[in-house]
Amino acid sequence: MVKEIFKLKYIFKSIQSVTFKNNPLHTMQNHFETDYVTTAYDKANHVVILKWKVAPTSVEFREGLDSIISAMEHFKTGKLIADTTHLGAIHPDDQEWSTTVWAQKAVSAGYSKLALVIPSDIFTKMSVEDTMNMDKTETPSAYFDTIDAAIDWIK
């Protein structure tokens, strides 16, 4: 019980602390959160934002991506910002899964535009770019150094 109360306080505090330079009073609504990923909705810009906290396992990677589909359906938006700063390298099996199985489900859910926040880490950057090169959805996408730049582009 104490652990769950602590977790709820942590989630509430993290929701309160998410701000952007363009609107310091703006906060996001969390949709899904674990130790490795957060999926939230930015109401002001009508966009889902996925933020990797640490490099996930294969199961965690797929669960994180599936949370995007749930969020797009719930908030009725196909716009997505994915912060891959702490994602790490993506396993080839997960690259294949994300560009086939997941991509089909995402398009069915309304997936329409993607902004990727890319880390300076060369291995993660190459892994994300390789995965995007495998994507056949023809979804407009672009790479950015910050979430604020990604928001400016996607809105």
N, C-alpha and C. Protein backbone atom coordinates (compact mmCIF):
# COMPACT_ATOMS: atom_id res chain seq x y z
N MET A 1 0.83 -1.19 0.00
CA MET A 1 0.00 0.00 0.00
C MET A 1 0.87 1.26 0.00
N VAL A 2 1.88 1.30 0.85
CA VAL A 2 2.77 2.46 0.92
C VAL A 2 3.49 2.64 -0.41
N LYS A 3 3.92 1.54 -1.01
CA LYS A 3 4.61 1.59 -2.28
C LYS A 3 3.70 2.18 -3.36
N GLU A 4 2.42 1.79 -3.37
CA GLU A 4 1.48 2.29 -4.37
C GLU A 4 1.18 3.78 -4.14
N ILE A 5 1.10 4.20 -2.89
CA ILE A 5 0.89 5.62 -2.60
C ILE A 5 2.09 6.42 -3.08
N PHE A 6 3.30 5.92 -2.83
CA PHE A 6 4.51 6.58 -3.30
C PHE A 6 4.49 6.69 -4.82
N LYS A 7 4.11 5.61 -5.49
CA LYS A 7 4.07 5.61 -6.96
C LYS A 7 3.05 6.63 -7.47
N LEU A 8 1.88 6.72 -6.84
CA LEU A 8 0.88 7.70 -7.24
C LEU A 8 1.38 9.13 -7.02
N LYS A 9 2.07 9.36 -5.89
CA LYS A 9 2.65 10.69 -5.65
C LYS A 9 3.69 11.01 -6.72
N TYR A 10 4.51 10.03 -7.09
CA TYR A 10 5.52 10.23 -8.12
C TYR A 10 4.88 10.57 -9.45
N ILE A 11 3.83 9.83 -9.83
CA ILE A 11 3.15 10.10 -11.10
C ILE A 11 2.54 11.50 -11.07
N PHE A 12 1.86 11.86 -9.97
CA PHE A 12 1.26 13.18 -9.87
C PHE A 12 2.31 14.27 -9.97
N LYS A 13 3.42 14.08 -9.25
CA LYS A 13 4.50 15.06 -9.28
C LYS A 13 5.09 15.17 -10.69
N SER A 14 5.25 14.04 -11.39
CA SER A 14 5.82 14.09 -12.74
C SER A 14 4.86 14.76 -13.71
N ILE A 15 3.55 14.58 -13.52
CA ILE A 15 2.58 15.25 -14.38
C ILE A 15 2.68 16.76 -14.17
N GLN A 16 2.80 17.18 -12.92
CA GLN A 16 2.88 18.60 -12.62
C GLN A 16 4.16 19.22 -13.17
N SER A 17 5.23 18.45 -13.26
CA SER A 17 6.52 19.03 -13.60
C SER A 17 6.82 19.07 -15.09
N VAL A 18 5.99 18.49 -15.93
CA VAL A 18 6.24 18.50 -17.36
C VAL A 18 5.82 19.85 -17.93
N THR A 19 6.79 20.66 -18.36
CA THR A 19 6.50 21.96 -18.95
C THR A 19 7.31 22.15 -20.22
N PHE A 20 6.90 23.13 -21.00
CA PHE A 20 7.59 23.45 -22.24
C PHE A 20 7.95 24.91 -22.24
N LYS A 21 9.00 25.29 -22.93
CA LYS A 21 9.45 26.68 -22.95
C LYS A 21 8.40 27.59 -23.55
N ASN A 22 7.63 27.12 -24.52
CA ASN A 22 6.63 27.95 -25.18
C ASN A 22 5.43 28.23 -24.29
N ASN A 23 5.21 27.42 -23.28
CA ASN A 23 4.06 27.59 -22.41
C ASN A 23 4.40 27.00 -21.04
N PRO A 24 5.03 27.78 -20.17
CA PRO A 24 5.48 27.23 -18.89
C PRO A 24 4.35 26.76 -17.98
N LEU A 25 3.12 27.16 -18.25
CA LEU A 25 2.00 26.72 -17.42
C LEU A 25 1.37 25.43 -17.94
N HIS A 26 1.80 25.01 -19.09
CA HIS A 26 1.22 23.84 -19.75
C HIS A 26 1.68 22.53 -19.09
N THR A 27 0.76 21.62 -18.88
CA THR A 27 1.11 20.30 -18.39
C THR A 27 0.50 19.24 -19.30
N MET A 28 1.03 18.04 -19.21
CA MET A 28 0.53 16.94 -20.01
C MET A 28 -0.28 15.98 -19.14
N GLN A 29 -1.13 15.23 -19.81
CA GLN A 29 -1.93 14.21 -19.13
C GLN A 29 -1.29 12.85 -19.38
N ASN A 30 -0.82 12.19 -18.31
CA ASN A 30 -0.22 10.87 -18.47
C ASN A 30 -1.28 9.86 -18.91
N HIS A 31 -0.88 8.97 -19.79
CA HIS A 31 -1.75 7.90 -20.25
C HIS A 31 -1.23 6.54 -19.79
N PHE A 32 0.11 6.39 -19.81
CA PHE A 32 0.76 5.12 -19.45
C PHE A 32 2.13 5.47 -18.89
N GLU A 33 2.49 4.85 -17.77
CA GLU A 33 3.81 5.12 -17.21
C GLU A 33 4.35 3.89 -16.50
N THR A 34 5.63 3.63 -16.76
CA THR A 34 6.36 2.56 -16.08
C THR A 34 7.73 3.11 -15.70
N ASP A 35 8.59 2.22 -15.24
CA ASP A 35 9.96 2.63 -14.91
C ASP A 35 10.77 2.96 -16.16
N TYR A 36 10.33 2.51 -17.33
CA TYR A 36 11.13 2.67 -18.53
C TYR A 36 10.52 3.59 -19.59
N VAL A 37 9.23 3.91 -19.51
CA VAL A 37 8.60 4.75 -20.53
C VAL A 37 7.40 5.50 -19.97
N THR A 38 7.14 6.66 -20.55
CA THR A 38 5.93 7.42 -20.25
C THR A 38 5.27 7.77 -21.58
N THR A 39 3.97 7.55 -21.65
CA THR A 39 3.18 7.99 -22.79
C THR A 39 2.16 8.98 -22.25
N ALA A 40 2.16 10.19 -22.81
CA ALA A 40 1.29 11.25 -22.31
C ALA A 40 0.64 11.98 -23.48
N TYR A 41 -0.36 12.77 -23.15
CA TYR A 41 -1.09 13.55 -24.15
C TYR A 41 -0.89 15.03 -23.88
N ASP A 42 -0.45 15.75 -24.88
CA ASP A 42 -0.29 17.19 -24.83
C ASP A 42 -1.53 17.80 -25.46
N LYS A 43 -2.46 18.22 -24.61
CA LYS A 43 -3.75 18.72 -25.08
C LYS A 43 -3.60 20.00 -25.91
N ALA A 44 -2.71 20.88 -25.51
CA ALA A 44 -2.52 22.16 -26.20
C ALA A 44 -2.13 21.96 -27.66
N ASN A 45 -1.37 20.91 -27.94
CA ASN A 45 -0.90 20.66 -29.31
C ASN A 45 -1.53 19.42 -29.94
N HIS A 46 -2.45 18.79 -29.21
CA HIS A 46 -3.17 17.60 -29.68
C HIS A 46 -2.20 16.54 -30.22
N VAL A 47 -1.26 16.15 -29.36
CA VAL A 47 -0.21 15.21 -29.76
C VAL A 47 0.09 14.24 -28.60
N VAL A 48 0.39 13.00 -28.96
CA VAL A 48 0.85 11.99 -27.99
C VAL A 48 2.37 12.09 -27.91
N ILE A 49 2.89 12.05 -26.70
CA ILE A 49 4.35 12.11 -26.52
C ILE A 49 4.80 10.87 -25.75
N LEU A 50 5.72 10.14 -26.38
CA LEU A 50 6.33 8.96 -25.78
C LEU A 50 7.74 9.34 -25.37
N LYS A 51 8.10 9.05 -24.12
CA LYS A 51 9.45 9.36 -23.65
C LYS A 51 10.05 8.13 -23.00
N TRP A 52 11.12 7.62 -23.61
CA TRP A 52 11.84 6.49 -23.04
C TRP A 52 12.70 7.00 -21.91
N LYS A 53 12.64 6.33 -20.75
CA LYS A 53 13.43 6.72 -19.58
C LYS A 53 14.76 5.97 -19.53
N VAL A 54 14.73 4.70 -19.93
CA VAL A 54 15.91 3.84 -19.98
C VAL A 54 15.74 2.90 -21.16
N ALA A 55 16.81 2.24 -21.53
CA ALA A 55 16.73 1.25 -22.62
C ALA A 55 15.83 0.09 -22.18
N PRO A 56 14.78 -0.19 -22.94
CA PRO A 56 13.84 -1.25 -22.56
C PRO A 56 14.27 -2.62 -23.05
N THR A 57 13.71 -3.65 -22.43
CA THR A 57 13.84 -5.00 -22.96
C THR A 57 12.92 -5.09 -24.18
N SER A 58 12.96 -6.18 -24.89
CA SER A 58 12.10 -6.38 -26.05
C SER A 58 10.63 -6.30 -25.66
N VAL A 59 10.25 -6.96 -24.59
CA VAL A 59 8.86 -6.93 -24.11
C VAL A 59 8.46 -5.51 -23.73
N GLU A 60 9.34 -4.80 -23.05
CA GLU A 60 9.06 -3.42 -22.64
C GLU A 60 8.95 -2.50 -23.85
N PHE A 61 9.82 -2.70 -24.83
CA PHE A 61 9.78 -1.90 -26.06
C PHE A 61 8.42 -2.04 -26.74
N ARG A 62 7.98 -3.25 -26.88
CA ARG A 62 6.69 -3.51 -27.54
C ARG A 62 5.53 -2.98 -26.72
N GLU A 63 5.61 -3.12 -25.41
CA GLU A 63 4.56 -2.59 -24.54
C GLU A 63 4.51 -1.07 -24.65
N GLY A 64 5.66 -0.44 -24.68
CA GLY A 64 5.72 1.01 -24.83
C GLY A 64 5.11 1.48 -26.13
N LEU A 65 5.45 0.81 -27.23
CA LEU A 65 4.87 1.18 -28.52
C LEU A 65 3.38 0.93 -28.56
N ASP A 66 2.94 -0.16 -27.97
CA ASP A 66 1.50 -0.43 -27.93
C ASP A 66 0.75 0.62 -27.12
N SER A 67 1.41 1.20 -26.12
CA SER A 67 0.75 2.26 -25.34
C SER A 67 0.46 3.48 -26.21
N ILE A 68 1.25 3.68 -27.26
CA ILE A 68 1.02 4.78 -28.20
C ILE A 68 -0.31 4.58 -28.92
N ILE A 69 -0.55 3.36 -29.38
CA ILE A 69 -1.79 3.06 -30.09
C ILE A 69 -2.99 3.33 -29.19
N SER A 70 -2.91 2.86 -27.97
CA SER A 70 -3.97 3.10 -27.01
C SER A 70 -4.20 4.59 -26.80
N ALA A 71 -3.13 5.35 -26.67
CA ALA A 71 -3.24 6.80 -26.46
C ALA A 71 -3.81 7.50 -27.70
N MET A 72 -3.38 7.11 -28.90
CA MET A 72 -3.91 7.72 -30.12
C MET A 72 -5.41 7.48 -30.24
N GLU A 73 -5.83 6.28 -29.91
CA GLU A 73 -7.26 5.96 -29.97
C GLU A 73 -8.03 6.74 -28.91
N HIS A 74 -7.50 6.78 -27.71
CA HIS A 74 -8.18 7.45 -26.60
C HIS A 74 -8.30 8.96 -26.83
N PHE A 75 -7.22 9.59 -27.28
CA PHE A 75 -7.20 11.04 -27.44
C PHE A 75 -7.54 11.50 -28.86
N LYS A 76 -7.80 10.55 -29.74
CA LYS A 76 -8.21 10.83 -31.11
C LYS A 76 -7.23 11.74 -31.86
N THR A 77 -5.97 11.33 -31.84
CA THR A 77 -4.94 12.03 -32.59
C THR A 77 -3.96 11.02 -33.16
N GLY A 78 -3.44 11.31 -34.33
CA GLY A 78 -2.44 10.45 -34.95
C GLY A 78 -1.06 11.07 -34.89
N LYS A 79 -0.95 12.25 -34.26
CA LYS A 79 0.34 12.92 -34.15
C LYS A 79 1.12 12.37 -32.96
N LEU A 80 2.39 12.08 -33.19
CA LEU A 80 3.23 11.45 -32.18
C LEU A 80 4.60 12.10 -32.13
N ILE A 81 5.06 12.36 -30.91
CA ILE A 81 6.45 12.75 -30.67
C ILE A 81 7.06 11.62 -29.85
N ALA A 82 8.18 11.08 -30.32
CA ALA A 82 8.89 10.02 -29.60
C ALA A 82 10.26 10.53 -29.18
N ASP A 83 10.46 10.64 -27.88
CA ASP A 83 11.76 11.05 -27.35
C ASP A 83 12.59 9.80 -27.14
N THR A 84 13.56 9.59 -28.02
CA THR A 84 14.39 8.38 -28.00
C THR A 84 15.73 8.60 -27.31
N THR A 85 15.84 9.70 -26.59
CA THR A 85 17.11 10.06 -25.95
C THR A 85 17.70 8.92 -25.12
N HIS A 86 16.86 8.18 -24.40
CA HIS A 86 17.34 7.11 -23.53
C HIS A 86 16.91 5.72 -24.01
N LEU A 87 16.52 5.61 -25.27
CA LEU A 87 16.02 4.34 -25.81
C LEU A 87 17.09 3.26 -25.91
N GLY A 88 18.27 3.61 -26.32
CA GLY A 88 19.30 2.60 -26.56
C GLY A 88 19.09 1.98 -27.93
N ALA A 89 19.93 1.04 -28.29
CA ALA A 89 19.83 0.37 -29.59
C ALA A 89 18.61 -0.55 -29.62
N ILE A 90 17.94 -0.58 -30.76
CA ILE A 90 16.73 -1.40 -30.93
C ILE A 90 17.15 -2.74 -31.54
N HIS A 91 16.72 -3.82 -30.92
CA HIS A 91 17.04 -5.16 -31.43
C HIS A 91 16.44 -5.33 -32.83
N PRO A 92 17.13 -6.00 -33.75
CA PRO A 92 16.60 -6.19 -35.11
C PRO A 92 15.20 -6.82 -35.15
N ASP A 93 14.90 -7.75 -34.25
CA ASP A 93 13.55 -8.33 -34.21
C ASP A 93 12.50 -7.28 -33.86
N ASP A 94 12.86 -6.36 -32.97
CA ASP A 94 11.94 -5.29 -32.59
C ASP A 94 11.82 -4.24 -33.69
N GLN A 95 12.90 -4.02 -34.41
CA GLN A 95 12.83 -3.13 -35.57
C GLN A 95 11.83 -3.68 -36.58
N GLU A 96 11.96 -4.96 -36.88
CA GLU A 96 11.07 -5.61 -37.84
C GLU A 96 9.62 -5.55 -37.35
N TRP A 97 9.39 -5.89 -36.09
CA TRP A 97 8.04 -5.87 -35.51
C TRP A 97 7.44 -4.48 -35.57
N SER A 98 8.24 -3.46 -35.21
CA SER A 98 7.71 -2.09 -35.15
C SER A 98 7.36 -1.54 -36.53
N THR A 99 8.05 -1.99 -37.56
CA THR A 99 7.77 -1.47 -38.91
C THR A 99 6.77 -2.32 -39.68
N THR A 100 6.34 -3.42 -39.10
CA THR A 100 5.33 -4.26 -39.77
C THR A 100 4.08 -4.36 -38.90
N VAL A 101 4.13 -5.19 -37.88
CA VAL A 101 2.97 -5.45 -37.02
C VAL A 101 2.48 -4.16 -36.35
N TRP A 102 3.39 -3.49 -35.65
CA TRP A 102 2.98 -2.27 -34.93
C TRP A 102 2.52 -1.19 -35.91
N ALA A 103 3.25 -0.99 -36.98
CA ALA A 103 2.92 0.07 -37.94
C ALA A 103 1.52 -0.11 -38.52
N GLN A 104 1.14 -1.34 -38.82
CA GLN A 104 -0.21 -1.60 -39.34
C GLN A 104 -1.27 -1.22 -38.31
N LYS A 105 -1.05 -1.62 -37.05
CA LYS A 105 -2.00 -1.28 -35.99
C LYS A 105 -2.04 0.25 -35.78
N ALA A 106 -0.90 0.88 -35.86
CA ALA A 106 -0.84 2.33 -35.65
C ALA A 106 -1.58 3.09 -36.75
N VAL A 107 -1.39 2.69 -37.98
CA VAL A 107 -2.09 3.34 -39.09
C VAL A 107 -3.60 3.17 -38.92
N SER A 108 -4.02 1.99 -38.52
CA SER A 108 -5.45 1.74 -38.27
C SER A 108 -5.99 2.63 -37.14
N ALA A 109 -5.11 3.00 -36.20
CA ALA A 109 -5.51 3.85 -35.08
C ALA A 109 -5.44 5.34 -35.43
N GLY A 110 -4.96 5.66 -36.65
CA GLY A 110 -4.93 7.05 -37.09
C GLY A 110 -3.56 7.68 -37.16
N TYR A 111 -2.51 6.90 -36.94
CA TYR A 111 -1.12 7.39 -36.98
C TYR A 111 -0.89 8.21 -38.24
N SER A 112 -0.49 9.51 -38.07
CA SER A 112 -0.41 10.38 -39.23
C SER A 112 0.84 11.24 -39.33
N LYS A 113 1.56 11.45 -38.22
CA LYS A 113 2.73 12.33 -38.25
C LYS A 113 3.63 11.98 -37.08
N LEU A 114 4.95 11.96 -37.32
CA LEU A 114 5.91 11.55 -36.29
C LEU A 114 7.09 12.52 -36.21
N ALA A 115 7.36 12.99 -35.00
CA ALA A 115 8.55 13.79 -34.72
C ALA A 115 9.40 12.98 -33.75
N LEU A 116 10.65 12.76 -34.10
CA LEU A 116 11.55 11.97 -33.27
C LEU A 116 12.61 12.87 -32.64
N VAL A 117 12.73 12.81 -31.32
CA VAL A 117 13.81 13.49 -30.63
C VAL A 117 14.95 12.49 -30.55
N ILE A 118 16.03 12.82 -31.23
CA ILE A 118 17.16 11.90 -31.40
C ILE A 118 18.29 12.25 -30.43
N PRO A 119 18.88 11.25 -29.79
CA PRO A 119 19.99 11.51 -28.86
C PRO A 119 21.30 11.76 -29.59
N SER A 120 22.27 12.24 -28.85
CA SER A 120 23.60 12.40 -29.43
C SER A 120 24.34 11.07 -29.47
N ASP A 121 23.89 10.07 -28.67
CA ASP A 121 24.51 8.75 -28.67
C ASP A 121 24.41 8.13 -30.06
N ILE A 122 25.52 7.84 -30.67
CA ILE A 122 25.57 7.38 -32.06
C ILE A 122 24.87 6.03 -32.26
N PHE A 123 24.96 5.13 -31.28
CA PHE A 123 24.35 3.80 -31.45
C PHE A 123 22.83 3.88 -31.45
N THR A 124 22.28 4.66 -30.53
CA THR A 124 20.83 4.84 -30.51
C THR A 124 20.37 5.57 -31.75
N LYS A 125 21.08 6.61 -32.11
CA LYS A 125 20.73 7.41 -33.29
C LYS A 125 20.70 6.53 -34.54
N MET A 126 21.74 5.73 -34.74
CA MET A 126 21.80 4.84 -35.92
C MET A 126 20.67 3.81 -35.88
N SER A 127 20.39 3.27 -34.71
CA SER A 127 19.34 2.27 -34.56
C SER A 127 17.97 2.85 -34.90
N VAL A 128 17.69 4.04 -34.40
CA VAL A 128 16.41 4.70 -34.69
C VAL A 128 16.32 5.03 -36.18
N GLU A 129 17.37 5.57 -36.75
CA GLU A 129 17.36 5.91 -38.18
C GLU A 129 17.21 4.66 -39.05
N ASP A 130 17.88 3.57 -38.68
CA ASP A 130 17.73 2.31 -39.43
C ASP A 130 16.28 1.82 -39.38
N THR A 131 15.68 1.91 -38.20
CA THR A 131 14.28 1.50 -38.05
C THR A 131 13.38 2.37 -38.91
N MET A 132 13.59 3.66 -38.89
CA MET A 132 12.77 4.57 -39.70
C MET A 132 12.95 4.30 -41.20
N ASN A 133 14.12 3.90 -41.61
CA ASN A 133 14.36 3.58 -43.02
C ASN A 133 13.60 2.32 -43.45
N MET A 134 13.25 1.48 -42.50
CA MET A 134 12.48 0.26 -42.79
C MET A 134 10.97 0.55 -42.85
N ASP A 135 10.56 1.71 -42.36
CA ASP A 135 9.14 2.06 -42.26
C ASP A 135 8.52 2.22 -43.65
N LYS A 136 7.40 1.56 -43.87
CA LYS A 136 6.72 1.61 -45.17
C LYS A 136 5.40 2.40 -45.11
N THR A 137 5.11 3.03 -43.97
CA THR A 137 3.82 3.70 -43.82
C THR A 137 3.74 5.04 -44.56
N GLU A 138 4.86 5.58 -44.96
CA GLU A 138 4.92 6.89 -45.62
C GLU A 138 4.36 8.00 -44.73
N THR A 139 4.46 7.81 -43.44
CA THR A 139 4.03 8.81 -42.47
C THR A 139 5.06 9.94 -42.46
N PRO A 140 4.61 11.20 -42.60
CA PRO A 140 5.57 12.31 -42.52
C PRO A 140 6.30 12.26 -41.18
N SER A 141 7.62 12.37 -41.24
CA SER A 141 8.42 12.32 -40.01
C SER A 141 9.63 13.23 -40.14
N ALA A 142 10.16 13.62 -38.99
CA ALA A 142 11.35 14.47 -38.95
C ALA A 142 12.09 14.23 -37.65
N TYR A 143 13.38 14.57 -37.64
CA TYR A 143 14.24 14.39 -36.46
C TYR A 143 14.53 15.75 -35.82
N PHE A 144 14.61 15.74 -34.48
CA PHE A 144 14.85 16.98 -33.74
C PHE A 144 15.78 16.72 -32.56
N ASP A 145 16.38 17.81 -32.06
CA ASP A 145 17.26 17.72 -30.90
C ASP A 145 16.50 17.91 -29.59
N THR A 146 15.33 18.56 -29.64
CA THR A 146 14.58 18.84 -28.42
C THR A 146 13.09 18.57 -28.65
N ILE A 147 12.37 18.37 -27.55
CA ILE A 147 10.92 18.20 -27.63
C ILE A 147 10.26 19.50 -28.09
N ASP A 148 10.76 20.63 -27.63
CA ASP A 148 10.18 21.91 -28.05
C ASP A 148 10.25 22.09 -29.57
N ALA A 149 11.37 21.73 -30.18
CA ALA A 149 11.50 21.83 -31.64
C ALA A 149 10.54 20.85 -32.32
N ALA A 150 10.40 19.67 -31.75
CA ALA A 150 9.47 18.68 -32.31
C ALA A 150 8.03 19.18 -32.24
N ILE A 151 7.65 19.80 -31.13
CA ILE A 151 6.31 20.37 -30.98
C ILE A 151 6.07 21.46 -32.00
N ASP A 152 7.05 22.34 -32.16
CA ASP A 152 6.90 23.43 -33.14
C ASP A 152 6.63 22.88 -34.54
N TRP A 153 7.27 21.77 -34.90
CA TRP A 153 7.09 21.18 -36.22
C TRP A 153 5.76 20.44 -36.35
N ILE A 154 5.37 19.72 -35.33
CA ILE A 154 4.24 18.80 -35.47
C ILE A 154 2.88 19.49 -35.36
N LYS A 155 2.82 20.66 -34.73
CA LYS A 155 1.50 21.28 -34.54
C LYS A 155 0.93 21.93 -35.76
